């Protein structure tokens, strides 16, 4: 079996304390244990709480995290920033461009995973992967799956983080 076939997405369950979502979305500002998110555009209402839960989870276990690594979807061609330059350096700009061009060829304009998670050393060694964060009842769209296959082919696997409250996770919702 080829190495690429072994790069299928895995689901990573992540639970958060029930009260933290209300604290995160508080009109008085973020009072929760989860990092703030710029509240613009599509995520203005939720502040992208699920992505921030996943970000904290991965940081707490020793990974570095880049939020919203836009490769396929970019507002402007110069919308690159330091995070995009870091990804270009880690994988090579030519491989990153293959993902973007592959998506363009398929007619896809978005679908990038929510996080890029990496560690270059430590007790578990070298690890690099992307994470799509979902909170039930949200599901992966077909267009996202097509983009994830491009990421897995040219860069690193895409895993799915299923974020939900502790009470929902143990079936008391």
N, C-alpha and C. Protein backbone atom coordinates (compact mmCIF):
# COMPACT_ATOMS: atom_id res chain seq x y z
N UNK A 1 0.85 -1.17 0.00
CA UNK A 1 0.00 0.00 0.00
C UNK A 1 0.89 1.24 0.00
N UNK A 2 0.56 2.22 -0.82
CA UNK A 2 1.40 3.41 -0.92
C UNK A 2 1.28 4.27 0.33
N UNK A 3 2.28 5.10 0.52
CA UNK A 3 2.30 5.99 1.68
C UNK A 3 1.12 6.95 1.66
N UNK A 4 0.75 7.43 0.49
CA UNK A 4 -0.34 8.40 0.39
C UNK A 4 -1.67 7.80 0.84
N UNK A 5 -1.89 6.52 0.59
CA UNK A 5 -3.14 5.90 1.02
C UNK A 5 -3.24 5.80 2.53
N UNK A 6 -2.10 5.82 3.20
CA UNK A 6 -2.09 5.77 4.66
C UNK A 6 -2.35 7.14 5.28
N UNK A 7 -2.51 8.16 4.47
CA UNK A 7 -2.67 9.51 4.99
C UNK A 7 -4.14 9.91 5.08
N UNK A 8 -5.01 8.99 5.33
CA UNK A 8 -6.44 9.28 5.47
C UNK A 8 -6.69 10.09 6.72
N UNK A 9 -7.76 10.86 6.69
CA UNK A 9 -8.11 11.71 7.83
C UNK A 9 -8.53 10.87 9.03
N UNK A 10 -8.10 11.29 10.19
CA UNK A 10 -8.51 10.66 11.45
C UNK A 10 -9.34 11.67 12.21
N UNK A 11 -10.30 11.18 12.98
CA UNK A 11 -11.10 12.07 13.81
C UNK A 11 -10.48 12.18 15.19
N UNK A 12 -10.37 13.42 15.67
CA UNK A 12 -9.80 13.69 16.98
C UNK A 12 -10.91 14.30 17.83
N UNK A 13 -11.41 13.57 18.84
CA UNK A 13 -12.46 14.14 19.68
C UNK A 13 -11.86 15.10 20.72
N UNK A 14 -12.48 16.28 20.85
CA UNK A 14 -12.02 17.27 21.83
C UNK A 14 -13.25 17.79 22.57
N UNK A 15 -13.22 17.70 23.88
CA UNK A 15 -14.34 18.20 24.70
C UNK A 15 -13.90 19.47 25.45
N UNK A 16 -14.86 20.37 25.66
CA UNK A 16 -14.57 21.60 26.40
C UNK A 16 -15.56 21.72 27.57
N UNK A 17 -15.17 22.42 28.66
CA UNK A 17 -16.08 22.64 29.78
C UNK A 17 -17.30 23.44 29.32
N UNK A 18 -18.48 23.01 29.68
CA UNK A 18 -19.73 23.58 29.19
C UNK A 18 -19.81 25.10 29.30
N UNK A 19 -19.37 25.65 30.42
CA UNK A 19 -19.52 27.09 30.65
C UNK A 19 -18.58 27.94 29.79
N UNK A 20 -17.57 27.34 29.20
CA UNK A 20 -16.57 28.11 28.48
C UNK A 20 -17.10 28.78 27.21
N UNK A 21 -18.07 28.19 26.55
CA UNK A 21 -18.59 28.81 25.33
C UNK A 21 -19.29 30.13 25.64
N UNK A 22 -20.10 30.16 26.69
CA UNK A 22 -20.77 31.40 27.07
C UNK A 22 -19.74 32.47 27.48
N UNK A 23 -18.71 32.06 28.18
CA UNK A 23 -17.67 33.01 28.57
C UNK A 23 -16.92 33.55 27.35
N UNK A 24 -16.66 32.69 26.38
CA UNK A 24 -15.96 33.08 25.15
C UNK A 24 -16.79 34.10 24.37
N UNK A 25 -18.09 33.88 24.29
CA UNK A 25 -18.98 34.73 23.50
C UNK A 25 -19.57 35.90 24.29
N UNK A 26 -19.12 36.08 25.51
CA UNK A 26 -19.65 37.13 26.38
C UNK A 26 -19.55 38.50 25.71
N UNK A 27 -20.63 39.32 25.79
CA UNK A 27 -20.58 40.66 25.22
C UNK A 27 -19.54 41.56 25.89
N UNK A 28 -19.09 41.17 27.09
CA UNK A 28 -18.08 41.94 27.81
C UNK A 28 -16.67 41.62 27.32
N UNK A 29 -16.57 40.72 26.37
CA UNK A 29 -15.26 40.31 25.87
C UNK A 29 -14.98 38.87 26.25
N UNK A 30 -13.94 38.33 25.69
CA UNK A 30 -13.59 36.94 25.93
C UNK A 30 -13.11 36.75 27.37
N UNK A 31 -13.90 36.02 28.16
CA UNK A 31 -13.57 35.74 29.55
C UNK A 31 -13.21 34.28 29.76
N UNK A 32 -13.08 33.53 28.68
CA UNK A 32 -12.84 32.09 28.78
C UNK A 32 -11.36 31.76 28.80
N UNK A 33 -11.07 30.48 28.94
CA UNK A 33 -9.69 29.98 28.93
C UNK A 33 -9.16 29.85 27.52
N UNK A 34 -10.02 30.04 26.52
CA UNK A 34 -9.61 29.87 25.12
C UNK A 34 -9.18 31.20 24.52
N UNK A 35 -8.18 31.17 23.63
CA UNK A 35 -7.66 32.42 23.06
C UNK A 35 -8.72 33.15 22.23
N UNK A 36 -8.54 34.44 22.11
CA UNK A 36 -9.47 35.26 21.32
C UNK A 36 -9.26 35.02 19.83
N UNK A 37 -10.27 35.35 19.08
CA UNK A 37 -10.26 35.25 17.63
C UNK A 37 -10.76 36.57 17.10
N UNK A 38 -10.14 37.02 16.03
CA UNK A 38 -10.64 38.27 15.44
C UNK A 38 -12.06 38.00 14.95
N UNK A 39 -12.98 38.81 15.34
CA UNK A 39 -14.40 38.58 15.03
C UNK A 39 -14.82 39.38 13.81
N UNK A 40 -14.43 38.89 12.64
CA UNK A 40 -14.77 39.53 11.38
C UNK A 40 -15.38 38.49 10.45
N UNK A 41 -16.10 38.97 9.47
CA UNK A 41 -16.61 38.12 8.40
C UNK A 41 -17.51 37.00 8.87
N UNK A 42 -17.33 35.84 8.25
CA UNK A 42 -18.19 34.68 8.47
C UNK A 42 -18.27 34.28 9.94
N UNK A 43 -17.17 34.38 10.66
CA UNK A 43 -17.12 33.89 12.04
C UNK A 43 -17.45 34.97 13.08
N UNK A 44 -18.02 36.10 12.66
CA UNK A 44 -18.26 37.21 13.58
C UNK A 44 -19.16 36.82 14.75
N UNK A 45 -20.20 36.01 14.51
CA UNK A 45 -21.13 35.64 15.58
C UNK A 45 -20.51 34.67 16.58
N UNK A 46 -19.85 33.64 16.10
CA UNK A 46 -19.34 32.60 16.99
C UNK A 46 -17.92 32.87 17.47
N UNK A 47 -17.20 33.78 16.80
CA UNK A 47 -15.81 34.01 17.16
C UNK A 47 -14.97 32.79 16.87
N UNK A 48 -15.52 31.86 16.11
CA UNK A 48 -14.89 30.58 15.78
C UNK A 48 -14.42 29.86 17.03
N UNK A 49 -15.31 29.75 17.99
CA UNK A 49 -15.03 29.06 19.25
C UNK A 49 -14.46 27.66 19.05
N UNK A 50 -15.04 26.82 18.17
CA UNK A 50 -14.48 25.46 18.02
C UNK A 50 -13.00 25.46 17.61
N UNK A 51 -12.61 26.36 16.72
CA UNK A 51 -11.20 26.41 16.30
C UNK A 51 -10.30 26.83 17.44
N UNK A 52 -10.79 27.72 18.29
CA UNK A 52 -9.98 28.17 19.42
C UNK A 52 -9.84 27.07 20.48
N UNK A 53 -10.88 26.24 20.64
CA UNK A 53 -10.79 25.09 21.54
C UNK A 53 -9.72 24.12 21.03
N UNK A 54 -9.76 23.84 19.72
CA UNK A 54 -8.77 22.93 19.13
C UNK A 54 -7.37 23.52 19.21
N UNK A 55 -7.24 24.82 18.96
CA UNK A 55 -5.94 25.47 19.04
C UNK A 55 -5.33 25.28 20.43
N UNK A 56 -6.11 25.55 21.47
CA UNK A 56 -5.61 25.38 22.84
C UNK A 56 -5.25 23.92 23.13
N UNK A 57 -6.09 23.00 22.67
CA UNK A 57 -5.83 21.57 22.87
C UNK A 57 -4.46 21.19 22.31
N UNK A 58 -4.18 21.57 21.07
CA UNK A 58 -2.90 21.19 20.45
C UNK A 58 -1.72 21.92 21.09
N UNK A 59 -1.90 23.17 21.44
CA UNK A 59 -0.82 23.90 22.12
C UNK A 59 -0.51 23.28 23.48
N UNK A 60 -1.55 22.87 24.20
CA UNK A 60 -1.36 22.28 25.52
C UNK A 60 -0.59 20.97 25.47
N UNK A 61 -0.61 20.28 24.33
CA UNK A 61 0.14 19.02 24.23
C UNK A 61 1.46 19.21 23.45
N UNK A 62 1.90 20.47 23.32
CA UNK A 62 3.24 20.73 22.82
C UNK A 62 3.40 21.06 21.35
N UNK A 63 2.32 21.33 20.65
CA UNK A 63 2.42 21.68 19.24
C UNK A 63 2.39 23.19 19.05
N UNK A 64 2.91 23.63 17.93
CA UNK A 64 2.73 25.01 17.48
C UNK A 64 1.52 24.98 16.54
N UNK A 65 0.76 26.08 16.52
CA UNK A 65 -0.48 26.11 15.74
C UNK A 65 -0.57 27.40 14.94
N UNK A 66 -0.87 27.25 13.65
CA UNK A 66 -1.18 28.38 12.80
C UNK A 66 -2.67 28.31 12.50
N UNK A 67 -3.39 29.38 12.80
CA UNK A 67 -4.83 29.43 12.57
C UNK A 67 -5.10 29.93 11.15
N UNK A 68 -6.07 29.28 10.49
CA UNK A 68 -6.54 29.68 9.16
C UNK A 68 -5.41 29.83 8.14
N UNK A 69 -4.70 28.74 7.85
CA UNK A 69 -3.63 28.81 6.85
C UNK A 69 -4.22 28.86 5.44
N UNK A 70 -4.54 30.03 4.97
CA UNK A 70 -5.20 30.18 3.67
C UNK A 70 -4.24 29.89 2.52
N UNK A 71 -4.48 28.80 1.82
CA UNK A 71 -3.69 28.46 0.65
C UNK A 71 -4.58 28.52 -0.59
N UNK A 72 -5.71 27.83 -0.54
CA UNK A 72 -6.64 27.83 -1.67
C UNK A 72 -7.41 29.14 -1.71
N UNK A 73 -7.92 29.56 -0.57
CA UNK A 73 -8.73 30.77 -0.50
C UNK A 73 -7.90 31.93 0.02
N UNK A 74 -7.67 32.90 -0.86
CA UNK A 74 -6.97 34.11 -0.45
C UNK A 74 -7.79 35.30 -0.94
N UNK A 75 -7.96 36.28 -0.08
CA UNK A 75 -8.73 37.46 -0.46
C UNK A 75 -8.02 38.21 -1.57
N UNK A 76 -6.72 38.40 -1.43
CA UNK A 76 -5.91 39.12 -2.41
C UNK A 76 -4.64 38.30 -2.64
N UNK A 77 -4.05 38.41 -3.84
CA UNK A 77 -2.82 37.65 -4.09
C UNK A 77 -1.71 37.96 -3.09
N UNK A 78 -1.67 39.15 -2.54
CA UNK A 78 -0.62 39.51 -1.58
C UNK A 78 -1.02 39.20 -0.14
N UNK A 79 -2.14 38.53 0.05
CA UNK A 79 -2.64 38.19 1.39
C UNK A 79 -1.87 36.97 1.91
N UNK A 80 -0.62 37.15 2.17
CA UNK A 80 0.24 36.02 2.52
C UNK A 80 0.59 36.03 4.01
N UNK A 81 1.25 37.05 4.48
CA UNK A 81 1.60 37.16 5.89
C UNK A 81 2.67 36.18 6.33
N UNK A 82 3.08 36.32 7.59
CA UNK A 82 4.15 35.50 8.16
C UNK A 82 3.78 34.03 8.25
N UNK A 83 2.50 33.74 8.56
CA UNK A 83 2.08 32.34 8.67
C UNK A 83 2.19 31.63 7.33
N UNK A 84 1.78 32.27 6.27
CA UNK A 84 1.88 31.66 4.94
C UNK A 84 3.35 31.46 4.56
N UNK A 85 4.20 32.43 4.90
CA UNK A 85 5.63 32.29 4.62
C UNK A 85 6.23 31.12 5.39
N UNK A 86 5.76 30.90 6.62
CA UNK A 86 6.23 29.76 7.43
C UNK A 86 5.85 28.44 6.76
N UNK A 87 4.61 28.36 6.26
CA UNK A 87 4.16 27.15 5.58
C UNK A 87 4.95 26.94 4.29
N UNK A 88 5.19 28.02 3.54
CA UNK A 88 6.01 27.93 2.33
C UNK A 88 7.40 27.40 2.66
N UNK A 89 7.97 27.88 3.76
CA UNK A 89 9.32 27.46 4.16
C UNK A 89 9.34 25.98 4.58
N UNK A 90 8.31 25.54 5.32
CA UNK A 90 8.27 24.16 5.80
C UNK A 90 8.07 23.15 4.67
N UNK A 91 7.22 23.49 3.71
CA UNK A 91 6.87 22.53 2.65
C UNK A 91 7.51 22.84 1.31
N UNK A 92 7.92 24.07 1.12
CA UNK A 92 8.40 24.51 -0.18
C UNK A 92 7.28 25.23 -0.92
N UNK A 93 7.57 26.43 -1.39
CA UNK A 93 6.55 27.24 -2.06
C UNK A 93 5.96 26.53 -3.28
N UNK A 94 6.77 25.71 -3.95
CA UNK A 94 6.28 25.00 -5.13
C UNK A 94 5.20 23.98 -4.76
N UNK A 95 5.34 23.30 -3.63
CA UNK A 95 4.33 22.33 -3.21
C UNK A 95 3.04 23.04 -2.77
N UNK A 96 3.19 24.16 -2.08
CA UNK A 96 2.02 24.95 -1.67
C UNK A 96 1.27 25.43 -2.91
N UNK A 97 2.02 25.88 -3.90
CA UNK A 97 1.40 26.36 -5.14
C UNK A 97 0.68 25.23 -5.88
N UNK A 98 1.17 24.00 -5.78
CA UNK A 98 0.49 22.86 -6.41
C UNK A 98 -0.90 22.65 -5.81
N UNK A 99 -1.03 22.87 -4.50
CA UNK A 99 -2.34 22.76 -3.85
C UNK A 99 -3.27 23.83 -4.41
N UNK A 100 -2.78 25.06 -4.45
CA UNK A 100 -3.60 26.17 -4.93
C UNK A 100 -4.02 25.97 -6.39
N UNK A 101 -3.08 25.59 -7.23
CA UNK A 101 -3.39 25.38 -8.64
C UNK A 101 -4.30 24.17 -8.86
N UNK A 102 -4.11 23.12 -8.05
CA UNK A 102 -4.99 21.95 -8.15
C UNK A 102 -6.43 22.30 -7.81
N UNK A 103 -6.60 23.12 -6.79
CA UNK A 103 -7.95 23.56 -6.41
C UNK A 103 -8.55 24.43 -7.49
N UNK A 104 -7.74 25.31 -8.06
CA UNK A 104 -8.23 26.19 -9.13
C UNK A 104 -8.67 25.36 -10.34
N UNK A 105 -7.89 24.34 -10.67
CA UNK A 105 -8.22 23.46 -11.79
C UNK A 105 -9.55 22.73 -11.56
N UNK A 106 -9.84 22.40 -10.29
CA UNK A 106 -11.10 21.73 -9.95
C UNK A 106 -12.25 22.72 -9.76
N UNK A 107 -11.95 24.01 -9.88
CA UNK A 107 -12.98 25.03 -9.72
C UNK A 107 -13.33 25.32 -8.27
N UNK A 108 -12.42 25.02 -7.36
CA UNK A 108 -12.66 25.23 -5.93
C UNK A 108 -12.03 26.55 -5.50
N UNK A 109 -12.78 27.33 -4.73
CA UNK A 109 -12.28 28.63 -4.30
C UNK A 109 -12.06 28.71 -2.80
N UNK A 110 -12.28 27.66 -2.08
CA UNK A 110 -12.11 27.66 -0.63
C UNK A 110 -11.99 26.24 -0.13
N UNK A 111 -12.23 26.06 1.16
CA UNK A 111 -12.18 24.73 1.74
C UNK A 111 -10.92 24.43 2.51
N UNK A 112 -10.08 25.46 2.74
CA UNK A 112 -8.86 25.25 3.51
C UNK A 112 -9.18 24.75 4.92
N UNK A 113 -8.34 23.88 5.48
CA UNK A 113 -8.52 23.45 6.87
C UNK A 113 -8.37 24.64 7.82
N UNK A 114 -8.87 24.49 9.03
CA UNK A 114 -8.87 25.58 10.00
C UNK A 114 -7.51 25.83 10.65
N UNK A 115 -6.72 24.77 10.84
CA UNK A 115 -5.46 24.89 11.56
C UNK A 115 -4.33 24.14 10.86
N UNK A 116 -3.11 24.62 11.05
CA UNK A 116 -1.92 23.86 10.71
C UNK A 116 -1.20 23.61 12.02
N UNK A 117 -0.95 22.36 12.33
CA UNK A 117 -0.38 21.95 13.61
C UNK A 117 0.96 21.26 13.33
N UNK A 118 2.00 21.69 14.05
CA UNK A 118 3.31 21.10 13.77
C UNK A 118 4.22 21.10 14.99
N UNK A 119 5.18 20.19 14.94
CA UNK A 119 6.24 20.09 15.95
C UNK A 119 7.42 19.46 15.23
N UNK A 120 8.58 20.05 15.37
CA UNK A 120 9.75 19.54 14.68
C UNK A 120 10.65 18.70 15.56
N UNK A 121 10.35 18.67 16.88
CA UNK A 121 11.13 17.84 17.79
C UNK A 121 10.30 17.59 19.04
N UNK A 122 10.86 16.90 19.99
CA UNK A 122 10.16 16.61 21.23
C UNK A 122 10.01 15.12 21.43
N UNK A 123 9.32 14.70 22.52
CA UNK A 123 9.21 13.28 22.83
C UNK A 123 8.48 12.48 21.74
N UNK A 124 7.55 13.11 21.05
CA UNK A 124 6.84 12.40 19.98
C UNK A 124 7.45 12.67 18.62
N UNK A 125 8.51 13.47 18.59
CA UNK A 125 9.22 13.72 17.35
C UNK A 125 8.50 14.65 16.39
N UNK A 126 8.92 14.55 15.16
CA UNK A 126 8.46 15.40 14.07
C UNK A 126 7.02 15.07 13.70
N UNK A 127 6.17 16.07 13.66
CA UNK A 127 4.78 15.89 13.25
C UNK A 127 4.30 17.15 12.55
N UNK A 128 3.59 17.00 11.44
CA UNK A 128 2.96 18.11 10.73
C UNK A 128 1.65 17.61 10.16
N UNK A 129 0.59 18.34 10.44
CA UNK A 129 -0.70 18.00 9.87
C UNK A 129 -1.64 19.20 9.93
N UNK A 130 -2.67 19.14 9.13
CA UNK A 130 -3.70 20.17 9.12
C UNK A 130 -4.91 19.62 9.85
N UNK A 131 -5.74 20.53 10.38
CA UNK A 131 -6.92 20.13 11.13
C UNK A 131 -8.13 20.93 10.65
N UNK A 132 -9.17 20.22 10.33
CA UNK A 132 -10.48 20.83 10.07
C UNK A 132 -11.28 20.64 11.34
N UNK A 133 -11.80 21.73 11.89
CA UNK A 133 -12.53 21.68 13.15
C UNK A 133 -14.03 21.72 12.87
N UNK A 134 -14.74 20.76 13.42
CA UNK A 134 -16.19 20.69 13.26
C UNK A 134 -16.84 20.57 14.63
N UNK A 135 -18.02 21.15 14.73
CA UNK A 135 -18.81 21.08 15.95
C UNK A 135 -20.18 20.57 15.52
N UNK A 136 -20.63 19.43 16.07
CA UNK A 136 -21.91 18.88 15.62
C UNK A 136 -23.01 19.94 15.67
N UNK A 137 -23.85 19.98 14.66
CA UNK A 137 -24.10 19.00 13.59
C UNK A 137 -23.33 19.29 12.31
N UNK A 138 -22.34 20.19 12.32
CA UNK A 138 -21.58 20.55 11.13
C UNK A 138 -20.87 19.33 10.55
N UNK A 139 -20.83 19.26 9.23
CA UNK A 139 -20.19 18.13 8.53
C UNK A 139 -19.23 18.64 7.45
N UNK A 140 -18.35 17.77 7.02
CA UNK A 140 -17.41 18.08 5.94
C UNK A 140 -18.18 18.14 4.62
N UNK A 141 -17.96 19.20 3.86
CA UNK A 141 -18.58 19.33 2.53
C UNK A 141 -17.71 18.62 1.49
N UNK A 142 -18.34 18.26 0.37
CA UNK A 142 -17.62 17.58 -0.71
C UNK A 142 -16.47 18.43 -1.23
N UNK A 143 -16.68 19.75 -1.34
CA UNK A 143 -15.62 20.63 -1.83
C UNK A 143 -14.44 20.66 -0.85
N UNK A 144 -14.74 20.62 0.46
CA UNK A 144 -13.66 20.56 1.45
C UNK A 144 -12.87 19.27 1.31
N UNK A 145 -13.57 18.16 1.13
CA UNK A 145 -12.89 16.87 1.00
C UNK A 145 -11.95 16.87 -0.20
N UNK A 146 -12.38 17.49 -1.29
CA UNK A 146 -11.52 17.58 -2.48
C UNK A 146 -10.26 18.38 -2.18
N UNK A 147 -10.40 19.48 -1.44
CA UNK A 147 -9.25 20.30 -1.07
C UNK A 147 -8.35 19.53 -0.11
N UNK A 148 -8.94 18.81 0.84
CA UNK A 148 -8.15 18.04 1.80
C UNK A 148 -7.31 16.98 1.10
N UNK A 149 -7.83 16.40 0.04
CA UNK A 149 -7.06 15.40 -0.72
C UNK A 149 -5.84 16.05 -1.37
N UNK A 150 -5.99 17.28 -1.83
CA UNK A 150 -4.84 18.01 -2.38
C UNK A 150 -3.80 18.29 -1.30
N UNK A 151 -4.26 18.72 -0.14
CA UNK A 151 -3.35 18.96 0.98
C UNK A 151 -2.58 17.68 1.33
N UNK A 152 -3.30 16.57 1.43
CA UNK A 152 -2.67 15.30 1.79
C UNK A 152 -1.69 14.85 0.71
N UNK A 153 -2.01 15.11 -0.53
CA UNK A 153 -1.13 14.69 -1.62
C UNK A 153 0.17 15.47 -1.66
N UNK A 154 0.09 16.79 -1.45
CA UNK A 154 1.27 17.63 -1.63
C UNK A 154 1.91 18.14 -0.33
N UNK A 155 1.16 18.20 0.77
CA UNK A 155 1.69 18.80 1.98
C UNK A 155 1.69 17.85 3.16
N UNK A 156 0.54 17.65 3.78
CA UNK A 156 0.44 16.81 4.99
C UNK A 156 -1.02 16.39 5.14
N UNK A 157 -1.26 15.34 5.93
CA UNK A 157 -2.64 14.88 6.10
C UNK A 157 -3.52 15.94 6.77
N UNK A 158 -4.82 15.80 6.55
CA UNK A 158 -5.81 16.65 7.19
C UNK A 158 -6.63 15.76 8.12
N UNK A 159 -6.65 16.11 9.41
CA UNK A 159 -7.44 15.37 10.38
C UNK A 159 -8.64 16.21 10.77
N UNK A 160 -9.67 15.55 11.25
CA UNK A 160 -10.90 16.22 11.64
C UNK A 160 -10.97 16.26 13.17
N UNK A 161 -11.10 17.46 13.73
CA UNK A 161 -11.29 17.61 15.18
C UNK A 161 -12.78 17.82 15.42
N UNK A 162 -13.37 16.92 16.18
CA UNK A 162 -14.79 17.02 16.53
C UNK A 162 -14.87 17.63 17.93
N UNK A 163 -15.29 18.91 17.98
CA UNK A 163 -15.32 19.66 19.23
C UNK A 163 -16.75 19.70 19.77
N UNK A 164 -16.91 19.32 21.03
CA UNK A 164 -18.22 19.42 21.66
C UNK A 164 -18.08 19.56 23.17
N UNK A 165 -19.16 20.00 23.82
CA UNK A 165 -19.12 20.22 25.26
C UNK A 165 -19.00 18.87 25.98
N UNK A 166 -18.47 18.91 27.21
CA UNK A 166 -18.36 17.68 28.00
C UNK A 166 -19.71 17.00 28.15
N UNK A 167 -20.74 17.78 28.47
CA UNK A 167 -22.06 17.16 28.71
C UNK A 167 -22.58 16.50 27.44
N UNK A 168 -22.38 17.10 26.29
CA UNK A 168 -22.81 16.47 25.04
C UNK A 168 -21.95 15.23 24.75
N UNK A 169 -20.66 15.37 25.04
CA UNK A 169 -19.73 14.28 24.74
C UNK A 169 -20.08 13.02 25.53
N UNK A 170 -20.51 13.18 26.78
CA UNK A 170 -20.86 12.00 27.58
C UNK A 170 -22.34 11.68 27.51
N UNK A 171 -23.09 12.40 26.64
CA UNK A 171 -24.48 12.06 26.38
C UNK A 171 -25.51 12.65 27.31
N UNK A 172 -25.17 13.80 27.93
CA UNK A 172 -26.14 14.42 28.84
C UNK A 172 -26.65 15.76 28.30
N UNK A 173 -26.71 15.92 26.98
CA UNK A 173 -27.12 17.21 26.43
C UNK A 173 -28.63 17.34 26.38
